[in-house]
């Protein structure tokens, strides 16, 4: 290049090189999760019913006798005595020493009087307070 006198030549600027694009890494595909197979529930086996044993002997109730020891039973469970508060078979009561009355469970009285468990109390006549029978 030509310069005038006294002037410093300006450097010729060469065009800057165009940078070539930096290749960006190609993203590798993100693997999709592979679904695990869902286990299907295994049904529990249905138990077969257990057969009931066939009874080899039938039980037969026999009459043991009448209920007679009302006082003895009441005393055995901590009361002073037994009393009849009406005229039917359901009117028996145990009485405490202070006069408190409590009903009598006649099946339990049968078990106590005849020393057998289980026993059954059977009423022969509602209108007769002494018409209780014990069976066992």
N, C-alpha and C. Protein backbone atom coordinates (compact mmCIF):
# COMPACT_ATOMS: atom_id res chain seq x y z
N UNK A 1 0.82 -1.16 0.00
CA UNK A 1 0.00 0.00 0.00
C UNK A 1 0.87 1.24 0.00
N UNK A 2 0.36 2.19 -0.54
CA UNK A 2 1.11 3.42 -0.67
C UNK A 2 0.78 4.28 0.51
N UNK A 3 1.80 4.94 1.02
CA UNK A 3 1.59 5.81 2.16
C UNK A 3 2.07 7.18 1.80
N UNK A 4 1.55 8.15 2.36
CA UNK A 4 2.05 9.50 2.17
C UNK A 4 3.21 9.67 3.11
N UNK A 5 4.01 10.69 2.82
CA UNK A 5 5.21 10.87 3.58
C UNK A 5 4.86 11.25 4.99
N UNK A 6 5.51 10.69 5.93
CA UNK A 6 5.30 10.96 7.32
C UNK A 6 4.17 10.14 7.95
N UNK A 7 3.60 9.41 7.20
CA UNK A 7 2.52 8.59 7.76
C UNK A 7 2.97 7.18 7.89
N UNK A 8 2.56 6.62 8.89
CA UNK A 8 2.92 5.23 9.14
C UNK A 8 1.89 4.39 8.43
N UNK A 9 2.41 3.48 7.75
CA UNK A 9 1.42 2.66 7.05
C UNK A 9 0.55 1.89 8.04
N UNK A 10 -0.69 1.86 7.76
CA UNK A 10 -1.57 1.10 8.63
C UNK A 10 -1.53 -0.34 8.22
N UNK A 11 -1.51 -1.10 9.17
CA UNK A 11 -1.41 -2.53 8.81
C UNK A 11 -2.67 -2.94 8.07
N UNK A 12 -2.45 -3.76 7.20
CA UNK A 12 -3.57 -4.27 6.43
C UNK A 12 -4.24 -5.31 7.29
N UNK A 13 -5.45 -5.07 7.45
CA UNK A 13 -6.10 -6.06 8.29
C UNK A 13 -6.67 -7.12 7.42
N UNK A 14 -6.30 -8.23 7.78
CA UNK A 14 -6.81 -9.38 7.05
C UNK A 14 -8.16 -9.74 7.66
N UNK A 15 -9.02 -10.18 6.85
CA UNK A 15 -10.32 -10.54 7.40
C UNK A 15 -10.15 -11.62 8.46
N UNK A 16 -10.85 -11.45 9.59
CA UNK A 16 -10.73 -12.47 10.61
C UNK A 16 -11.39 -13.72 10.10
N UNK A 17 -10.77 -14.76 10.47
CA UNK A 17 -11.37 -16.01 9.98
C UNK A 17 -12.71 -16.25 10.68
N UNK A 18 -13.64 -16.71 9.94
CA UNK A 18 -14.95 -17.03 10.49
C UNK A 18 -14.79 -18.33 11.25
N UNK A 19 -15.11 -18.23 12.52
CA UNK A 19 -14.93 -19.49 13.26
C UNK A 19 -15.90 -20.53 12.74
N UNK A 20 -15.38 -21.71 12.65
CA UNK A 20 -16.27 -22.79 12.21
C UNK A 20 -17.09 -23.22 13.42
N UNK A 21 -18.31 -23.54 13.19
CA UNK A 21 -19.16 -23.89 14.33
C UNK A 21 -18.61 -25.08 15.07
N UNK A 22 -18.62 -24.95 16.40
CA UNK A 22 -18.15 -26.07 17.22
C UNK A 22 -19.28 -27.08 17.24
N UNK A 23 -18.97 -28.25 16.82
CA UNK A 23 -20.07 -29.23 16.81
C UNK A 23 -20.45 -29.57 18.24
N UNK A 24 -21.73 -29.46 18.52
CA UNK A 24 -22.17 -29.87 19.85
C UNK A 24 -22.44 -31.36 19.81
N UNK A 25 -22.19 -32.01 20.93
CA UNK A 25 -22.37 -33.47 20.88
C UNK A 25 -23.85 -33.79 20.69
N UNK A 26 -24.06 -34.75 19.90
CA UNK A 26 -25.43 -35.20 19.65
C UNK A 26 -25.88 -35.92 20.91
N UNK A 27 -26.98 -35.43 21.50
CA UNK A 27 -27.40 -36.11 22.73
C UNK A 27 -27.84 -37.52 22.42
N UNK A 28 -27.36 -38.41 23.27
CA UNK A 28 -27.77 -39.79 23.06
C UNK A 28 -29.19 -39.92 23.60
N UNK A 29 -29.99 -40.70 22.97
CA UNK A 29 -31.39 -40.81 23.40
C UNK A 29 -31.47 -41.36 24.82
N UNK A 30 -32.35 -40.74 25.62
CA UNK A 30 -32.56 -41.22 26.99
C UNK A 30 -33.40 -42.48 26.88
N UNK A 31 -32.89 -43.55 27.46
CA UNK A 31 -33.69 -44.79 27.32
C UNK A 31 -34.96 -44.67 28.16
N UNK A 32 -36.07 -45.08 27.57
CA UNK A 32 -37.34 -45.10 28.31
C UNK A 32 -37.28 -46.30 29.23
N UNK A 33 -37.84 -46.13 30.43
CA UNK A 33 -37.82 -47.30 31.32
C UNK A 33 -38.71 -48.39 30.75
N UNK A 34 -38.16 -49.58 30.83
CA UNK A 34 -38.93 -50.73 30.36
C UNK A 34 -39.86 -51.13 31.48
N UNK A 35 -41.17 -51.10 31.24
CA UNK A 35 -42.07 -51.45 32.34
C UNK A 35 -41.89 -52.90 32.74
N UNK A 36 -41.81 -53.11 34.07
CA UNK A 36 -41.71 -54.49 34.56
C UNK A 36 -43.11 -55.07 34.50
N UNK A 37 -43.20 -56.31 34.22
CA UNK A 37 -44.54 -56.91 34.19
C UNK A 37 -45.12 -56.91 35.61
N UNK A 38 -46.35 -56.48 35.74
CA UNK A 38 -47.02 -56.49 37.05
C UNK A 38 -47.47 -57.90 37.32
N UNK A 39 -47.03 -58.45 38.47
CA UNK A 39 -47.45 -59.83 38.73
C UNK A 39 -48.94 -59.87 39.03
N UNK A 40 -49.60 -60.79 38.42
CA UNK A 40 -51.04 -60.91 38.70
C UNK A 40 -51.18 -61.72 39.98
N UNK A 41 -52.15 -61.35 40.81
CA UNK A 41 -52.28 -62.06 42.09
C UNK A 41 -52.63 -63.52 41.88
N UNK A 42 -51.97 -64.33 42.67
CA UNK A 42 -52.26 -65.76 42.59
C UNK A 42 -53.38 -66.05 43.56
N UNK A 43 -54.49 -66.56 43.07
CA UNK A 43 -55.59 -66.83 44.01
C UNK A 43 -55.21 -67.92 45.00
N UNK A 44 -55.59 -67.71 46.25
CA UNK A 44 -55.32 -68.72 47.27
C UNK A 44 -56.23 -69.90 47.01
N UNK A 45 -55.74 -71.07 47.28
CA UNK A 45 -56.63 -72.22 47.07
C UNK A 45 -57.76 -72.19 48.08
N UNK A 46 -58.92 -72.52 47.64
CA UNK A 46 -60.08 -72.56 48.53
C UNK A 46 -59.99 -73.84 49.34
N UNK A 47 -59.96 -73.69 50.68
CA UNK A 47 -59.85 -74.92 51.48
C UNK A 47 -61.15 -75.72 51.38
N UNK A 48 -60.96 -77.00 51.32
CA UNK A 48 -62.16 -77.84 51.26
C UNK A 48 -62.69 -77.99 52.67
N UNK A 49 -63.99 -78.03 52.82
CA UNK A 49 -64.56 -78.11 54.16
C UNK A 49 -64.13 -79.39 54.87
N UNK A 50 -63.85 -79.23 56.16
CA UNK A 50 -63.47 -80.39 56.96
C UNK A 50 -64.74 -81.14 57.34
N UNK A 51 -64.80 -82.39 57.00
CA UNK A 51 -66.02 -83.12 57.34
C UNK A 51 -66.15 -83.28 58.85
N UNK A 52 -67.34 -83.13 59.34
CA UNK A 52 -67.59 -83.32 60.77
C UNK A 52 -67.59 -84.81 61.06
N UNK A 53 -67.02 -85.17 62.20
CA UNK A 53 -67.05 -86.60 62.52
C UNK A 53 -68.49 -87.04 62.80
N UNK A 54 -68.78 -88.21 62.37
CA UNK A 54 -70.10 -88.77 62.62
C UNK A 54 -70.14 -89.26 64.05
N UNK A 55 -71.11 -88.80 64.83
CA UNK A 55 -71.15 -89.28 66.21
C UNK A 55 -71.38 -90.78 66.25
N UNK A 56 -70.61 -91.42 67.09
CA UNK A 56 -70.75 -92.87 67.18
C UNK A 56 -71.73 -93.26 68.27
N UNK A 57 -72.01 -92.30 69.14
CA UNK A 57 -72.91 -92.61 70.24
C UNK A 57 -73.83 -91.42 70.45
N UNK A 58 -75.07 -91.66 70.61
CA UNK A 58 -75.99 -90.56 70.87
C UNK A 58 -76.11 -90.40 72.37
N UNK A 59 -76.18 -89.13 72.80
CA UNK A 59 -76.35 -88.92 74.24
C UNK A 59 -77.83 -88.79 74.53
N UNK A 60 -78.23 -89.41 75.57
CA UNK A 60 -79.63 -89.38 75.98
C UNK A 60 -79.70 -88.75 77.36
N UNK A 61 -80.57 -87.76 77.49
CA UNK A 61 -80.77 -87.15 78.80
C UNK A 61 -81.67 -88.05 79.62
N UNK A 62 -81.33 -88.16 80.88
CA UNK A 62 -82.18 -88.93 81.80
C UNK A 62 -82.59 -88.00 82.93
N UNK A 63 -83.73 -88.26 83.49
CA UNK A 63 -84.19 -87.41 84.59
C UNK A 63 -83.36 -87.72 85.84
N UNK A 64 -82.84 -86.67 86.43
CA UNK A 64 -82.03 -86.82 87.65
C UNK A 64 -82.92 -86.72 88.88
N UNK A 65 -83.93 -85.88 88.79
CA UNK A 65 -84.84 -85.71 89.92
C UNK A 65 -85.36 -84.29 89.98
N UNK A 66 -86.05 -83.97 91.06
CA UNK A 66 -86.63 -82.65 91.25
C UNK A 66 -85.62 -81.73 91.92
N UNK A 67 -85.84 -80.43 91.76
CA UNK A 67 -85.05 -79.46 92.52
C UNK A 67 -85.63 -79.40 93.92
N UNK A 68 -84.78 -79.68 94.90
CA UNK A 68 -85.29 -79.72 96.27
C UNK A 68 -84.45 -78.89 97.24
N UNK A 69 -83.18 -78.64 96.92
CA UNK A 69 -82.29 -78.01 97.90
C UNK A 69 -82.05 -76.53 97.58
N UNK A 70 -83.12 -75.74 97.55
CA UNK A 70 -83.04 -74.32 97.25
C UNK A 70 -82.18 -73.59 98.28
N UNK A 71 -82.39 -73.86 99.58
CA UNK A 71 -81.61 -73.20 100.63
C UNK A 71 -80.13 -73.56 100.53
N UNK A 72 -79.84 -74.85 100.35
CA UNK A 72 -78.44 -75.29 100.27
C UNK A 72 -77.70 -74.62 99.12
N UNK A 73 -78.38 -74.50 97.99
CA UNK A 73 -77.75 -73.84 96.83
C UNK A 73 -77.46 -72.37 97.14
N UNK A 74 -78.46 -71.66 97.65
CA UNK A 74 -78.26 -70.23 97.94
C UNK A 74 -77.13 -70.03 98.94
N UNK A 75 -77.06 -70.89 99.96
CA UNK A 75 -75.98 -70.78 100.94
C UNK A 75 -74.62 -71.08 100.30
N UNK A 76 -74.60 -72.00 99.32
CA UNK A 76 -73.32 -72.35 98.67
C UNK A 76 -72.77 -71.19 97.84
N UNK A 77 -73.62 -70.24 97.45
CA UNK A 77 -73.13 -69.09 96.67
C UNK A 77 -73.09 -67.80 97.50
N UNK A 78 -73.18 -67.96 98.83
CA UNK A 78 -72.97 -66.82 99.71
C UNK A 78 -74.20 -66.10 100.22
N UNK A 79 -75.36 -66.65 99.99
CA UNK A 79 -76.59 -66.03 100.51
C UNK A 79 -77.04 -66.76 101.77
N UNK A 80 -77.96 -66.15 102.50
CA UNK A 80 -78.42 -66.73 103.77
C UNK A 80 -79.42 -67.86 103.55
N UNK A 81 -80.31 -67.69 102.57
CA UNK A 81 -81.37 -68.70 102.38
C UNK A 81 -82.05 -68.48 101.04
N UNK A 82 -83.06 -69.33 100.78
CA UNK A 82 -83.91 -69.19 99.60
C UNK A 82 -85.31 -68.85 100.09
N UNK A 83 -86.04 -68.13 99.26
CA UNK A 83 -87.42 -67.80 99.61
C UNK A 83 -88.28 -67.81 98.36
N UNK A 84 -89.55 -68.02 98.55
CA UNK A 84 -90.51 -68.00 97.45
C UNK A 84 -91.29 -66.70 97.59
N UNK A 85 -91.22 -65.83 96.57
CA UNK A 85 -91.84 -64.50 96.66
C UNK A 85 -93.20 -64.43 95.96
N UNK A 86 -93.64 -65.54 95.39
CA UNK A 86 -94.92 -65.58 94.68
C UNK A 86 -95.42 -67.01 94.66
N UNK A 87 -96.24 -67.33 93.67
CA UNK A 87 -96.81 -68.68 93.63
C UNK A 87 -96.44 -69.46 92.37
N UNK A 88 -95.50 -68.94 91.55
CA UNK A 88 -95.12 -69.67 90.33
C UNK A 88 -93.72 -70.24 90.46
N UNK A 89 -93.36 -71.07 89.50
CA UNK A 89 -92.05 -71.71 89.50
C UNK A 89 -90.91 -70.71 89.32
N UNK A 90 -91.21 -69.53 88.80
CA UNK A 90 -90.17 -68.51 88.58
C UNK A 90 -90.04 -67.53 89.75
N UNK A 91 -90.67 -67.83 90.86
CA UNK A 91 -90.67 -66.90 91.99
C UNK A 91 -89.67 -67.23 93.10
N UNK A 92 -88.73 -68.13 92.85
CA UNK A 92 -87.70 -68.44 93.84
C UNK A 92 -86.62 -67.37 93.81
N UNK A 93 -86.10 -67.01 95.01
CA UNK A 93 -85.02 -66.03 95.13
C UNK A 93 -84.05 -66.48 96.23
N UNK A 94 -82.78 -66.14 96.04
CA UNK A 94 -81.82 -66.25 97.13
C UNK A 94 -81.88 -64.92 97.88
N UNK A 95 -81.72 -65.00 99.21
CA UNK A 95 -81.83 -63.80 100.05
C UNK A 95 -80.55 -63.65 100.86
N UNK A 96 -79.99 -62.43 100.85
CA UNK A 96 -78.79 -62.16 101.65
C UNK A 96 -79.19 -61.92 103.10
N UNK A 97 -78.20 -61.87 103.99
CA UNK A 97 -78.49 -61.63 105.40
C UNK A 97 -79.09 -60.24 105.62
N UNK A 98 -78.87 -59.32 104.67
CA UNK A 98 -79.45 -57.98 104.80
C UNK A 98 -80.82 -57.88 104.12
N UNK A 99 -81.29 -59.00 103.55
CA UNK A 99 -82.61 -59.00 102.93
C UNK A 99 -82.62 -58.79 101.42
N UNK A 100 -81.44 -58.58 100.82
CA UNK A 100 -81.37 -58.39 99.37
C UNK A 100 -81.73 -59.69 98.67
N UNK A 101 -82.55 -59.60 97.62
CA UNK A 101 -82.97 -60.79 96.88
C UNK A 101 -82.34 -60.81 95.49
N UNK A 102 -82.04 -62.01 95.04
CA UNK A 102 -81.50 -62.20 93.69
C UNK A 102 -82.15 -63.44 93.10
N UNK A 103 -82.43 -63.38 91.78
CA UNK A 103 -83.05 -64.52 91.10
C UNK A 103 -82.13 -65.72 91.07
N UNK A 104 -82.71 -66.89 90.89
CA UNK A 104 -81.95 -68.14 90.87
C UNK A 104 -81.94 -68.69 89.45
N UNK A 105 -80.76 -69.03 88.97
CA UNK A 105 -80.60 -69.65 87.66
C UNK A 105 -80.77 -71.15 87.89
N UNK A 106 -81.92 -71.69 87.53
CA UNK A 106 -82.24 -73.07 87.92
C UNK A 106 -81.35 -74.11 87.26
N UNK A 107 -80.81 -73.84 86.08
CA UNK A 107 -79.89 -74.80 85.47
C UNK A 107 -78.65 -74.97 86.34
N UNK A 108 -78.14 -73.86 86.85
CA UNK A 108 -76.97 -73.92 87.73
C UNK A 108 -77.31 -74.65 89.03
N UNK A 109 -78.52 -74.44 89.52
CA UNK A 109 -78.97 -75.15 90.72
C UNK A 109 -79.01 -76.66 90.46
N UNK A 110 -79.50 -77.08 89.28
CA UNK A 110 -79.49 -78.51 88.93
C UNK A 110 -78.06 -79.06 88.92
N UNK A 111 -77.14 -78.32 88.29
CA UNK A 111 -75.75 -78.77 88.22
C UNK A 111 -75.16 -78.90 89.62
N UNK A 112 -75.48 -77.96 90.50
CA UNK A 112 -74.95 -78.00 91.87
C UNK A 112 -75.58 -79.15 92.66
N UNK A 113 -76.91 -79.27 92.60
CA UNK A 113 -77.61 -80.28 93.42
C UNK A 113 -77.24 -81.70 93.01
N UNK A 114 -77.09 -81.94 91.71
CA UNK A 114 -76.80 -83.30 91.24
C UNK A 114 -75.34 -83.50 90.86
N UNK A 115 -74.51 -82.48 91.06
CA UNK A 115 -73.08 -82.56 90.79
C UNK A 115 -72.80 -83.10 89.39
N UNK A 116 -73.45 -82.50 88.40
CA UNK A 116 -73.26 -82.91 87.01
C UNK A 116 -73.27 -81.65 86.15
N UNK A 117 -72.37 -81.60 85.18
CA UNK A 117 -72.30 -80.45 84.29
C UNK A 117 -72.02 -80.94 82.88
N UNK A 118 -72.86 -80.66 81.94
CA UNK A 118 -74.03 -79.81 82.03
C UNK A 118 -75.26 -80.59 82.48
N UNK A 119 -76.17 -79.86 83.02
CA UNK A 119 -77.49 -80.41 83.37
C UNK A 119 -78.53 -79.48 82.75
N UNK A 120 -79.72 -79.97 82.62
CA UNK A 120 -80.82 -79.17 82.07
C UNK A 120 -81.92 -79.08 83.11
N UNK A 121 -82.50 -77.89 83.23
CA UNK A 121 -83.66 -77.71 84.11
C UNK A 121 -84.90 -77.72 83.23
N UNK A 122 -85.90 -78.45 83.65
CA UNK A 122 -87.15 -78.54 82.88
C UNK A 122 -88.30 -78.20 83.81
N UNK A 123 -89.15 -77.30 83.33
CA UNK A 123 -90.31 -76.90 84.12
C UNK A 123 -91.51 -77.74 83.70
N UNK A 124 -92.09 -78.44 84.66
CA UNK A 124 -93.24 -79.31 84.39
C UNK A 124 -94.54 -78.52 84.47
N UNK A 125 -94.62 -77.59 85.44
CA UNK A 125 -95.87 -76.84 85.64
C UNK A 125 -95.51 -75.44 86.13
N UNK A 126 -95.78 -74.43 85.32
CA UNK A 126 -95.46 -73.05 85.66
C UNK A 126 -96.09 -72.61 86.98
N UNK A 127 -97.30 -73.07 87.24
CA UNK A 127 -98.03 -72.63 88.44
C UNK A 127 -97.65 -73.38 89.71
N UNK A 128 -96.70 -74.29 89.61
CA UNK A 128 -96.26 -75.05 90.78
C UNK A 128 -94.78 -74.73 91.03
N UNK A 129 -94.45 -74.02 92.11
CA UNK A 129 -93.06 -73.65 92.38
C UNK A 129 -92.13 -74.84 92.60
N UNK A 130 -92.70 -76.01 92.88
CA UNK A 130 -91.88 -77.20 93.11
C UNK A 130 -91.91 -78.16 91.92
N UNK A 131 -92.22 -77.63 90.73
CA UNK A 131 -92.35 -78.49 89.56
C UNK A 131 -91.12 -78.48 88.65
N UNK A 132 -89.97 -78.10 89.19
CA UNK A 132 -88.73 -78.13 88.40
C UNK A 132 -88.12 -79.52 88.44
N UNK A 133 -87.68 -80.01 87.26
CA UNK A 133 -86.96 -81.28 87.17
C UNK A 133 -85.57 -81.00 86.62
N UNK A 134 -84.64 -81.85 87.02
CA UNK A 134 -83.28 -81.76 86.48
C UNK A 134 -83.02 -82.98 85.62
N UNK A 135 -82.40 -82.74 84.48
CA UNK A 135 -82.05 -83.79 83.53
C UNK A 135 -80.56 -83.71 83.25
N UNK A 136 -79.95 -84.84 83.01
CA UNK A 136 -78.52 -84.83 82.68
C UNK A 136 -78.11 -86.09 81.98
